[in-house]
């Protein structure tokens, strides 16, 4: 008797649940390297977008803060967002370029890929400038704390409510949304 037939006969004698768990081993389609790179590209994009959302939460939280200690306490959360932006931004670019070079249907010179890279650079530059704007409030909070001034401070409140930072982060958000639209609909293909 053939080995496969013997295996199926033994499997047929098992209870229904176990019988259906036994499958013949044959040619299966595995996950390709490009599939893994695409998964890492998408995970990086989720990290990037998640960090943008986290920064919105921080902006809303800091908007009402006029005392040094609460402002300083948001520092670790902001650092987490900065790390997520770095990992997400680098991952989307590296894995995206890899896919453009590896997948037969895409070329690095496709208009939608060039647009995504340009938008990615714009979002990064705007995000860096946003961070500089909000860092002023943290710097002021540290100065106040070191001077022994723990109470409310009008200048700190004004720095935490930076209009320039708010506009810059809004532009980052719009730019990232444009990248997502570009990636989903691939205009020009």
N, C-alpha and C. Protein backbone atom coordinates (compact mmCIF):
# COMPACT_ATOMS: atom_id res chain seq x y z
N UNK A 1 0.85 -1.18 0.00
CA UNK A 1 0.00 0.00 0.00
C UNK A 1 0.90 1.24 0.00
N UNK A 2 0.52 2.26 -0.73
CA UNK A 2 1.28 3.51 -0.83
C UNK A 2 1.27 4.22 0.52
N UNK A 3 2.35 4.93 0.85
CA UNK A 3 2.49 5.57 2.16
C UNK A 3 1.39 6.61 2.40
N UNK A 4 1.03 7.37 1.36
CA UNK A 4 -0.04 8.36 1.54
C UNK A 4 -1.37 7.70 1.83
N UNK A 5 -1.66 6.64 1.11
CA UNK A 5 -2.94 5.94 1.32
C UNK A 5 -3.00 5.38 2.73
N UNK A 6 -1.90 4.84 3.21
CA UNK A 6 -1.86 4.32 4.58
C UNK A 6 -2.10 5.44 5.59
N UNK A 7 -1.49 6.60 5.34
CA UNK A 7 -1.66 7.74 6.24
C UNK A 7 -3.10 8.21 6.26
N UNK A 8 -3.76 8.23 5.10
CA UNK A 8 -5.16 8.66 5.04
C UNK A 8 -6.06 7.65 5.75
N UNK A 9 -5.76 6.35 5.59
CA UNK A 9 -6.57 5.32 6.25
C UNK A 9 -6.48 5.47 7.76
N UNK A 10 -5.26 5.72 8.27
CA UNK A 10 -5.11 5.91 9.71
C UNK A 10 -5.82 7.19 10.15
N UNK A 11 -5.74 8.23 9.36
CA UNK A 11 -6.40 9.49 9.71
C UNK A 11 -7.91 9.31 9.73
N UNK A 12 -8.45 8.48 8.84
CA UNK A 12 -9.90 8.27 8.79
C UNK A 12 -10.40 7.58 10.06
N UNK A 13 -9.53 6.86 10.73
CA UNK A 13 -9.94 6.17 11.96
C UNK A 13 -9.97 7.12 13.16
N UNK A 14 -9.40 8.31 13.02
CA UNK A 14 -9.37 9.27 14.13
C UNK A 14 -10.72 9.95 14.28
N UNK A 15 -10.99 10.51 15.46
CA UNK A 15 -12.22 11.31 15.62
C UNK A 15 -12.22 12.45 14.59
N UNK A 16 -13.41 12.95 14.28
CA UNK A 16 -13.59 13.94 13.21
C UNK A 16 -12.66 15.14 13.36
N UNK A 17 -12.58 15.69 14.55
CA UNK A 17 -11.78 16.89 14.76
C UNK A 17 -10.31 16.62 14.46
N UNK A 18 -9.78 15.51 14.92
CA UNK A 18 -8.38 15.19 14.67
C UNK A 18 -8.15 14.80 13.22
N UNK A 19 -9.13 14.11 12.63
CA UNK A 19 -9.00 13.68 11.25
C UNK A 19 -8.84 14.89 10.33
N UNK A 20 -9.59 15.97 10.60
CA UNK A 20 -9.50 17.15 9.76
C UNK A 20 -8.24 17.95 10.02
N UNK A 21 -7.55 17.66 11.10
CA UNK A 21 -6.30 18.35 11.38
C UNK A 21 -5.14 17.72 10.62
N UNK A 22 -5.34 16.48 10.14
CA UNK A 22 -4.28 15.79 9.42
C UNK A 22 -4.46 16.09 7.93
N UNK A 23 -3.47 16.70 7.33
CA UNK A 23 -3.53 17.06 5.92
C UNK A 23 -2.30 16.47 5.22
N UNK A 24 -2.45 16.10 3.98
CA UNK A 24 -1.28 15.61 3.27
C UNK A 24 -0.28 16.74 3.05
N UNK A 25 0.98 16.40 3.14
CA UNK A 25 2.02 17.38 2.91
C UNK A 25 2.34 17.35 1.43
N UNK A 26 2.13 18.43 0.79
CA UNK A 26 2.39 18.51 -0.63
C UNK A 26 2.99 19.85 -0.95
N UNK A 27 2.87 20.23 -2.17
CA UNK A 27 3.40 21.53 -2.58
C UNK A 27 2.49 22.62 -2.04
N UNK A 28 3.03 23.42 -1.16
CA UNK A 28 2.26 24.53 -0.59
C UNK A 28 2.91 25.82 -1.01
N UNK A 29 2.10 26.84 -1.09
CA UNK A 29 2.67 28.14 -1.42
C UNK A 29 3.09 28.81 -0.13
N UNK A 30 4.37 29.05 0.00
CA UNK A 30 4.90 29.69 1.19
C UNK A 30 4.85 31.20 1.05
N UNK A 31 5.30 31.85 2.06
CA UNK A 31 5.37 33.31 2.06
C UNK A 31 6.71 33.70 1.46
N UNK A 32 6.66 34.54 0.44
CA UNK A 32 7.90 34.94 -0.23
C UNK A 32 8.58 36.05 0.56
N UNK A 33 9.82 36.32 0.19
CA UNK A 33 10.56 37.41 0.81
C UNK A 33 9.85 38.74 0.56
N UNK A 34 9.34 38.93 -0.65
CA UNK A 34 8.61 40.16 -0.95
C UNK A 34 7.36 40.30 -0.08
N UNK A 35 6.70 39.19 0.24
CA UNK A 35 5.55 39.24 1.14
C UNK A 35 5.97 39.73 2.53
N UNK A 36 7.11 39.23 3.00
CA UNK A 36 7.62 39.67 4.31
C UNK A 36 8.00 41.15 4.28
N UNK A 37 8.64 41.57 3.20
CA UNK A 37 9.03 42.97 3.09
C UNK A 37 7.79 43.86 3.04
N UNK A 38 6.76 43.42 2.32
CA UNK A 38 5.50 44.18 2.28
C UNK A 38 4.89 44.26 3.68
N UNK A 39 4.91 43.16 4.42
CA UNK A 39 4.37 43.16 5.79
C UNK A 39 5.16 44.14 6.66
N UNK A 40 6.48 44.14 6.54
CA UNK A 40 7.30 45.07 7.33
C UNK A 40 7.07 46.51 6.90
N UNK A 41 6.86 46.73 5.60
CA UNK A 41 6.54 48.07 5.09
C UNK A 41 5.23 48.56 5.71
N UNK A 42 4.23 47.69 5.73
CA UNK A 42 2.93 48.08 6.31
C UNK A 42 3.02 48.27 7.82
N UNK A 43 3.75 47.42 8.51
CA UNK A 43 3.93 47.60 9.96
C UNK A 43 4.65 48.92 10.26
N UNK A 44 5.62 49.26 9.44
CA UNK A 44 6.32 50.53 9.60
C UNK A 44 5.37 51.70 9.39
N UNK A 45 4.49 51.57 8.39
CA UNK A 45 3.50 52.63 8.14
C UNK A 45 2.55 52.76 9.33
N UNK A 46 2.15 51.64 9.92
CA UNK A 46 1.29 51.70 11.11
C UNK A 46 2.01 52.40 12.26
N UNK A 47 3.29 52.10 12.44
CA UNK A 47 4.07 52.76 13.51
C UNK A 47 4.14 54.26 13.25
N UNK A 48 4.34 54.65 12.01
CA UNK A 48 4.46 56.06 11.64
C UNK A 48 3.14 56.80 11.90
N UNK A 49 2.05 56.22 11.41
CA UNK A 49 0.74 56.85 11.60
C UNK A 49 0.37 56.84 13.08
N UNK A 50 0.67 55.75 13.78
CA UNK A 50 0.40 55.70 15.21
C UNK A 50 1.13 56.78 15.98
N UNK A 51 2.38 57.06 15.58
CA UNK A 51 3.15 58.12 16.23
C UNK A 51 2.54 59.49 15.95
N UNK A 52 2.07 59.71 14.73
CA UNK A 52 1.42 60.98 14.39
C UNK A 52 0.19 61.18 15.28
N UNK A 53 -0.58 60.11 15.46
CA UNK A 53 -1.76 60.19 16.34
C UNK A 53 -1.34 60.43 17.78
N UNK A 54 -0.29 59.74 18.24
CA UNK A 54 0.21 59.96 19.60
C UNK A 54 0.61 61.42 19.81
N UNK A 55 1.26 62.02 18.82
CA UNK A 55 1.64 63.43 18.95
C UNK A 55 0.40 64.33 19.01
N UNK A 56 -0.68 63.96 18.32
CA UNK A 56 -1.92 64.73 18.46
C UNK A 56 -2.44 64.65 19.90
N UNK A 57 -2.36 63.47 20.49
CA UNK A 57 -2.80 63.31 21.89
C UNK A 57 -1.95 64.20 22.80
N UNK A 58 -0.65 64.22 22.58
CA UNK A 58 0.24 65.06 23.39
C UNK A 58 -0.09 66.54 23.19
N UNK A 59 -0.33 66.95 21.95
CA UNK A 59 -0.66 68.35 21.68
C UNK A 59 -1.93 68.75 22.41
N UNK A 60 -2.93 67.90 22.38
CA UNK A 60 -4.18 68.20 23.09
C UNK A 60 -3.93 68.25 24.60
N UNK A 61 -3.12 67.31 25.10
CA UNK A 61 -2.86 67.27 26.55
C UNK A 61 -2.06 68.48 27.02
N UNK A 62 -1.06 68.90 26.24
CA UNK A 62 -0.19 69.99 26.67
C UNK A 62 -0.87 71.35 26.50
N UNK A 63 -1.92 71.41 25.72
CA UNK A 63 -2.61 72.66 25.42
C UNK A 63 -3.07 73.39 26.69
N UNK A 64 -3.43 72.63 27.73
CA UNK A 64 -3.95 73.23 28.97
C UNK A 64 -2.90 73.38 30.06
N UNK A 65 -1.68 72.91 29.81
CA UNK A 65 -0.68 72.87 30.87
C UNK A 65 0.08 74.18 30.98
N UNK A 66 0.11 74.70 32.21
CA UNK A 66 0.86 75.94 32.46
C UNK A 66 1.87 75.78 33.59
N UNK A 67 2.05 74.56 34.09
CA UNK A 67 3.00 74.30 35.17
C UNK A 67 4.12 73.40 34.66
N UNK A 68 5.32 73.53 35.21
CA UNK A 68 6.47 72.77 34.70
C UNK A 68 6.35 71.25 34.82
N UNK A 69 5.97 70.75 36.00
CA UNK A 69 5.99 69.30 36.21
C UNK A 69 5.09 68.53 35.26
N UNK A 70 3.83 68.93 35.07
CA UNK A 70 3.00 68.17 34.12
C UNK A 70 3.56 68.23 32.69
N UNK A 71 4.14 69.35 32.31
CA UNK A 71 4.74 69.48 30.97
C UNK A 71 5.91 68.52 30.83
N UNK A 72 6.75 68.45 31.84
CA UNK A 72 7.93 67.58 31.81
C UNK A 72 7.51 66.11 31.82
N UNK A 73 6.43 65.78 32.53
CA UNK A 73 5.98 64.39 32.60
C UNK A 73 5.56 63.82 31.25
N UNK A 74 5.23 64.68 30.29
CA UNK A 74 4.87 64.18 28.95
C UNK A 74 6.10 63.84 28.12
N UNK A 75 7.29 64.15 28.63
CA UNK A 75 8.53 63.88 27.90
C UNK A 75 8.72 62.43 27.49
N UNK A 76 8.55 61.46 28.40
CA UNK A 76 8.73 60.06 27.99
C UNK A 76 7.73 59.62 26.91
N UNK A 77 6.53 60.15 26.96
CA UNK A 77 5.54 59.81 25.93
C UNK A 77 5.98 60.38 24.58
N UNK A 78 6.48 61.61 24.61
CA UNK A 78 6.97 62.23 23.37
C UNK A 78 8.18 61.47 22.82
N UNK A 79 9.05 60.98 23.70
CA UNK A 79 10.20 60.21 23.23
C UNK A 79 9.75 58.91 22.57
N UNK A 80 8.72 58.27 23.13
CA UNK A 80 8.15 57.07 22.52
C UNK A 80 7.65 57.39 21.11
N UNK A 81 6.96 58.50 20.97
CA UNK A 81 6.49 58.92 19.65
C UNK A 81 7.62 59.19 18.69
N UNK A 82 8.69 59.79 19.20
CA UNK A 82 9.85 60.09 18.36
C UNK A 82 10.50 58.79 17.86
N UNK A 83 10.61 57.81 18.74
CA UNK A 83 11.17 56.52 18.34
C UNK A 83 10.27 55.85 17.30
N UNK A 84 8.96 55.90 17.53
CA UNK A 84 8.02 55.28 16.57
C UNK A 84 8.07 55.98 15.21
N UNK A 85 8.21 57.30 15.21
CA UNK A 85 8.34 58.03 13.94
C UNK A 85 9.63 57.61 13.24
N UNK A 86 10.71 57.51 13.99
CA UNK A 86 11.99 57.11 13.39
C UNK A 86 11.94 55.72 12.79
N UNK A 87 11.43 54.77 13.55
CA UNK A 87 11.32 53.39 13.06
C UNK A 87 10.33 53.31 11.90
N UNK A 88 9.19 53.94 12.08
CA UNK A 88 8.17 53.91 11.03
C UNK A 88 8.62 54.61 9.76
N UNK A 89 9.23 55.77 9.91
CA UNK A 89 9.69 56.51 8.74
C UNK A 89 10.79 55.77 8.00
N UNK A 90 11.79 55.29 8.73
CA UNK A 90 12.88 54.56 8.10
C UNK A 90 12.38 53.26 7.48
N UNK A 91 11.52 52.56 8.21
CA UNK A 91 10.99 51.29 7.69
C UNK A 91 10.17 51.46 6.43
N UNK A 92 9.30 52.46 6.41
CA UNK A 92 8.48 52.66 5.21
C UNK A 92 9.37 53.00 4.01
N UNK A 93 10.37 53.82 4.22
CA UNK A 93 11.24 54.20 3.11
C UNK A 93 12.09 53.02 2.63
N UNK A 94 12.78 52.37 3.55
CA UNK A 94 13.67 51.27 3.18
C UNK A 94 12.89 50.12 2.55
N UNK A 95 11.85 49.66 3.22
CA UNK A 95 11.08 48.53 2.69
C UNK A 95 10.30 48.91 1.44
N UNK A 96 9.87 50.17 1.36
CA UNK A 96 9.16 50.62 0.16
C UNK A 96 10.08 50.64 -1.05
N UNK A 97 11.30 51.14 -0.88
CA UNK A 97 12.27 51.14 -1.99
C UNK A 97 12.63 49.71 -2.37
N UNK A 98 12.80 48.87 -1.36
CA UNK A 98 13.09 47.45 -1.63
C UNK A 98 11.99 46.86 -2.52
N UNK A 99 10.74 47.10 -2.15
CA UNK A 99 9.63 46.56 -2.93
C UNK A 99 9.61 47.13 -4.35
N UNK A 100 9.90 48.43 -4.47
CA UNK A 100 9.91 49.05 -5.79
C UNK A 100 10.97 48.41 -6.69
N UNK A 101 12.09 48.01 -6.11
CA UNK A 101 13.15 47.38 -6.88
C UNK A 101 12.92 45.89 -7.11
N UNK A 102 12.17 45.26 -6.20
CA UNK A 102 12.02 43.81 -6.23
C UNK A 102 10.77 43.32 -6.97
N UNK A 103 9.67 44.03 -6.82
CA UNK A 103 8.41 43.58 -7.40
C UNK A 103 8.38 43.97 -8.88
N UNK A 104 8.07 43.01 -9.72
CA UNK A 104 8.13 43.21 -11.18
C UNK A 104 7.17 44.30 -11.68
N UNK A 105 6.04 44.46 -11.02
CA UNK A 105 5.04 45.44 -11.48
C UNK A 105 5.42 46.88 -11.17
N UNK A 106 6.42 47.10 -10.33
CA UNK A 106 6.78 48.46 -9.90
C UNK A 106 8.20 48.80 -10.35
N UNK A 107 8.41 50.07 -10.56
CA UNK A 107 9.75 50.61 -10.80
C UNK A 107 9.95 51.78 -9.86
N UNK A 108 11.18 51.97 -9.43
CA UNK A 108 11.49 53.07 -8.53
C UNK A 108 11.14 54.42 -9.16
N UNK A 109 11.07 54.45 -10.49
CA UNK A 109 10.82 55.71 -11.21
C UNK A 109 9.34 55.91 -11.53
N UNK A 110 8.47 55.05 -11.03
CA UNK A 110 7.02 55.27 -11.21
C UNK A 110 6.65 56.57 -10.51
N UNK A 111 5.77 57.34 -11.14
CA UNK A 111 5.40 58.65 -10.60
C UNK A 111 4.86 58.59 -9.19
N UNK A 112 4.03 57.59 -8.91
CA UNK A 112 3.42 57.51 -7.58
C UNK A 112 4.46 57.15 -6.51
N UNK A 113 5.52 56.43 -6.90
CA UNK A 113 6.58 56.09 -5.94
C UNK A 113 7.44 57.32 -5.68
N UNK A 114 7.77 58.06 -6.73
CA UNK A 114 8.53 59.29 -6.55
C UNK A 114 7.74 60.28 -5.70
N UNK A 115 6.43 60.39 -5.97
CA UNK A 115 5.57 61.29 -5.17
C UNK A 115 5.59 60.87 -3.70
N UNK A 116 5.52 59.57 -3.42
CA UNK A 116 5.54 59.09 -2.04
C UNK A 116 6.86 59.44 -1.35
N UNK A 117 7.97 59.29 -2.05
CA UNK A 117 9.27 59.60 -1.47
C UNK A 117 9.39 61.10 -1.19
N UNK A 118 8.93 61.92 -2.12
CA UNK A 118 8.97 63.38 -1.92
C UNK A 118 8.08 63.77 -0.74
N UNK A 119 6.87 63.21 -0.69
CA UNK A 119 5.96 63.51 0.44
C UNK A 119 6.56 63.02 1.75
N UNK A 120 7.23 61.86 1.72
CA UNK A 120 7.87 61.33 2.92
C UNK A 120 8.93 62.31 3.43
N UNK A 121 9.73 62.87 2.52
CA UNK A 121 10.76 63.84 2.91
C UNK A 121 10.13 65.11 3.47
N UNK A 122 9.05 65.56 2.85
CA UNK A 122 8.35 66.76 3.33
C UNK A 122 7.79 66.52 4.73
N UNK A 123 7.15 65.36 4.93
CA UNK A 123 6.59 65.03 6.25
C UNK A 123 7.70 64.98 7.30
N UNK A 124 8.84 64.41 6.95
CA UNK A 124 9.95 64.34 7.90
C UNK A 124 10.48 65.72 8.28
N UNK A 125 10.63 66.59 7.28
CA UNK A 125 11.12 67.94 7.56
C UNK A 125 10.12 68.72 8.40
N UNK A 126 8.84 68.61 8.06
CA UNK A 126 7.81 69.31 8.84
C UNK A 126 7.74 68.75 10.27
N UNK A 127 7.86 67.44 10.40
CA UNK A 127 7.82 66.82 11.73
C UNK A 127 8.98 67.28 12.60
N UNK A 128 10.16 67.40 11.99
CA UNK A 128 11.32 67.87 12.75
C UNK A 128 11.09 69.30 13.23
N UNK A 129 10.56 70.14 12.37
CA UNK A 129 10.27 71.52 12.77
C UNK A 129 9.18 71.58 13.83
N UNK A 130 8.22 70.68 13.75
CA UNK A 130 7.17 70.61 14.78
C UNK A 130 7.79 70.28 16.12
N UNK A 131 8.70 69.31 16.14
CA UNK A 131 9.37 68.93 17.38
C UNK A 131 10.14 70.07 18.00
N UNK A 132 10.78 70.88 17.17
CA UNK A 132 11.53 72.04 17.67
C UNK A 132 10.57 73.02 18.35
N UNK A 133 9.42 73.24 17.75
CA UNK A 133 8.44 74.17 18.32
C UNK A 133 7.97 73.70 19.69
N UNK A 134 7.62 72.43 19.82
CA UNK A 134 7.11 71.93 21.10
C UNK A 134 8.22 71.73 22.13
N UNK A 135 9.46 71.57 21.68
CA UNK A 135 10.59 71.43 22.62
C UNK A 135 10.82 72.72 23.40
N UNK A 136 10.41 73.85 22.84
CA UNK A 136 10.58 75.13 23.55
C UNK A 136 9.80 75.14 24.86
N UNK A 137 8.61 74.57 24.84
CA UNK A 137 7.82 74.50 26.08
C UNK A 137 8.48 73.61 27.12
N UNK A 138 9.04 72.48 26.67
CA UNK A 138 9.71 71.57 27.60
C UNK A 138 10.96 72.24 28.17
N UNK A 139 11.71 72.94 27.33
CA UNK A 139 12.91 73.65 27.79
C UNK A 139 12.54 74.69 28.85
N UNK A 140 11.49 75.44 28.59
CA UNK A 140 11.03 76.45 29.55
C UNK A 140 10.58 75.78 30.85
N UNK A 141 9.88 74.66 30.75
CA UNK A 141 9.42 73.95 31.95
C UNK A 141 10.60 73.48 32.80
N UNK A 142 11.64 73.01 32.16
CA UNK A 142 12.84 72.57 32.89
C UNK A 142 13.52 73.76 33.57
N UNK A 143 13.59 74.88 32.85
CA UNK A 143 14.17 76.09 33.44
C UNK A 143 13.38 76.54 34.67
N UNK A 144 12.05 76.51 34.57
CA UNK A 144 11.20 76.90 35.70
C UNK A 144 11.39 75.96 36.88
N UNK A 145 11.41 74.66 36.61
CA UNK A 145 11.59 73.68 37.68
C UNK A 145 12.94 73.86 38.36
N UNK A 146 13.98 74.06 37.57
CA UNK A 146 15.32 74.24 38.13
C UNK A 146 15.44 75.53 38.95
N UNK A 147 14.60 76.51 38.62
CA UNK A 147 14.59 77.78 39.37
C UNK A 147 13.68 77.68 40.59
N UNK A 148 13.06 76.51 40.80
CA UNK A 148 12.19 76.33 41.96
C UNK A 148 10.79 76.90 41.77
N UNK A 149 10.41 77.21 40.56
CA UNK A 149 9.08 77.77 40.29
C UNK A 149 8.17 76.66 39.76
N UNK A 150 7.34 76.12 40.65
CA UNK A 150 6.48 75.00 40.29
C UNK A 150 5.07 75.42 39.91
N UNK A 151 4.73 76.67 40.12
CA UNK A 151 3.36 77.12 39.86
C UNK A 151 3.10 77.46 38.41
N UNK A 152 1.88 77.91 38.13
CA UNK A 152 1.50 78.28 36.77
C UNK A 152 2.39 79.40 36.22
N UNK A 153 2.62 79.33 34.92
CA UNK A 153 3.45 80.33 34.26
C UNK A 153 2.81 80.64 32.90
N UNK A 154 2.53 81.92 32.67
CA UNK A 154 1.86 82.34 31.43
C UNK A 154 2.72 82.10 30.21
N UNK A 155 4.03 82.31 30.33
CA UNK A 155 4.92 82.09 29.19
C UNK A 155 4.97 80.61 28.80
N UNK A 156 5.00 79.72 29.81
CA UNK A 156 4.99 78.29 29.55
C UNK A 156 3.69 77.89 28.85
N UNK A 157 2.58 78.42 29.33
CA UNK A 157 1.30 78.12 28.69
C UNK A 157 1.30 78.56 27.23
N UNK A 158 1.84 79.75 26.96
CA UNK A 158 1.91 80.24 25.58
C UNK A 158 2.79 79.34 24.72
N UNK A 159 3.91 78.89 25.27
CA UNK A 159 4.79 77.99 24.51
C UNK A 159 4.12 76.64 24.25
N UNK A 160 3.39 76.14 25.24
CA UNK A 160 2.68 74.87 25.06
C UNK A 160 1.54 74.98 24.05
N UNK A 161 1.04 76.18 23.86
CA UNK A 161 -0.05 76.41 22.90
C UNK A 161 0.46 76.98 21.58
N UNK A 162 1.65 76.65 21.21
CA UNK A 162 2.26 77.21 20.02
C UNK A 162 1.39 77.01 18.78
N UNK A 163 1.02 78.11 18.16
CA UNK A 163 0.22 78.04 16.94
C UNK A 163 1.05 77.50 15.79
N UNK A 164 2.31 77.90 15.77
CA UNK A 164 3.21 77.43 14.71
C UNK A 164 3.35 75.90 14.78
N UNK A 165 3.52 75.38 15.98
CA UNK A 165 3.62 73.93 16.15
C UNK A 165 2.35 73.22 15.73
N UNK A 166 1.22 73.81 16.07
CA UNK A 166 -0.07 73.23 15.70
C UNK A 166 -0.24 73.19 14.18
N UNK A 167 0.10 74.29 13.51
CA UNK A 167 0.00 74.34 12.04
C UNK A 167 0.97 73.35 11.41
N UNK A 168 2.20 73.29 11.92
CA UNK A 168 3.18 72.36 11.37
C UNK A 168 2.73 70.91 11.52
N UNK A 169 2.21 70.56 12.69
CA UNK A 169 1.76 69.17 12.88
C UNK A 169 0.53 68.87 12.02
N UNK A 170 -0.32 69.86 11.82
CA UNK A 170 -1.45 69.68 10.90
C UNK A 170 -0.95 69.40 9.49
N UNK A 171 0.10 70.12 9.07
CA UNK A 171 0.68 69.89 7.75
C UNK A 171 1.32 68.50 7.65
N UNK A 172 1.96 68.06 8.74
CA UNK A 172 2.50 66.70 8.78
C UNK A 172 1.38 65.69 8.56
N UNK A 173 0.29 65.89 9.26
CA UNK A 173 -0.85 64.97 9.16
C UNK A 173 -1.41 64.94 7.75
N UNK A 174 -1.59 66.09 7.14
CA UNK A 174 -2.10 66.15 5.76
C UNK A 174 -1.13 65.47 4.81
N UNK A 175 0.16 65.70 5.00
CA UNK A 175 1.17 65.09 4.13
C UNK A 175 1.15 63.58 4.24
N UNK A 176 1.04 63.06 5.47
CA UNK A 176 0.98 61.61 5.67
C UNK A 176 -0.30 61.04 5.05
N UNK A 177 -1.40 61.76 5.18
CA UNK A 177 -2.64 61.31 4.53
C UNK A 177 -2.48 61.26 3.01
N UNK A 178 -1.78 62.24 2.44
CA UNK A 178 -1.51 62.23 1.00
C UNK A 178 -0.64 61.02 0.61
N UNK A 179 0.30 60.67 1.46
CA UNK A 179 1.12 59.47 1.20
C UNK A 179 0.22 58.24 1.18
N UNK A 180 -0.69 58.15 2.16
CA UNK A 180 -1.59 56.99 2.21
C UNK A 180 -2.47 56.93 0.98
N UNK A 181 -3.00 58.06 0.55
CA UNK A 181 -3.82 58.10 -0.67
C UNK A 181 -2.97 57.65 -1.86
N UNK A 182 -1.76 58.15 -1.95
CA UNK A 182 -0.85 57.77 -3.03
C UNK A 182 -0.56 56.27 -3.02
N UNK A 183 -0.32 55.71 -1.85
CA UNK A 183 0.00 54.28 -1.75
C UNK A 183 -1.21 53.39 -2.07
N UNK A 184 -2.38 53.83 -1.69
CA UNK A 184 -3.57 53.00 -1.90
C UNK A 184 -4.03 53.04 -3.36
N UNK A 185 -4.12 54.24 -3.92
CA UNK A 185 -4.69 54.37 -5.26
C UNK A 185 -3.64 54.44 -6.37
N UNK A 186 -2.38 54.63 -6.05
CA UNK A 186 -1.28 54.63 -7.01
C UNK A 186 -1.63 55.40 -8.28
N UNK A 187 -1.83 56.71 -8.16
CA UNK A 187 -2.23 57.49 -9.33
C UNK A 187 -1.20 57.40 -10.46
N UNK A 188 -1.70 57.34 -11.67
CA UNK A 188 -0.83 57.29 -12.83
C UNK A 188 -0.46 55.88 -13.27
N UNK A 189 -0.93 54.86 -12.56
CA UNK A 189 -0.61 53.49 -12.98
C UNK A 189 -1.71 52.90 -13.83
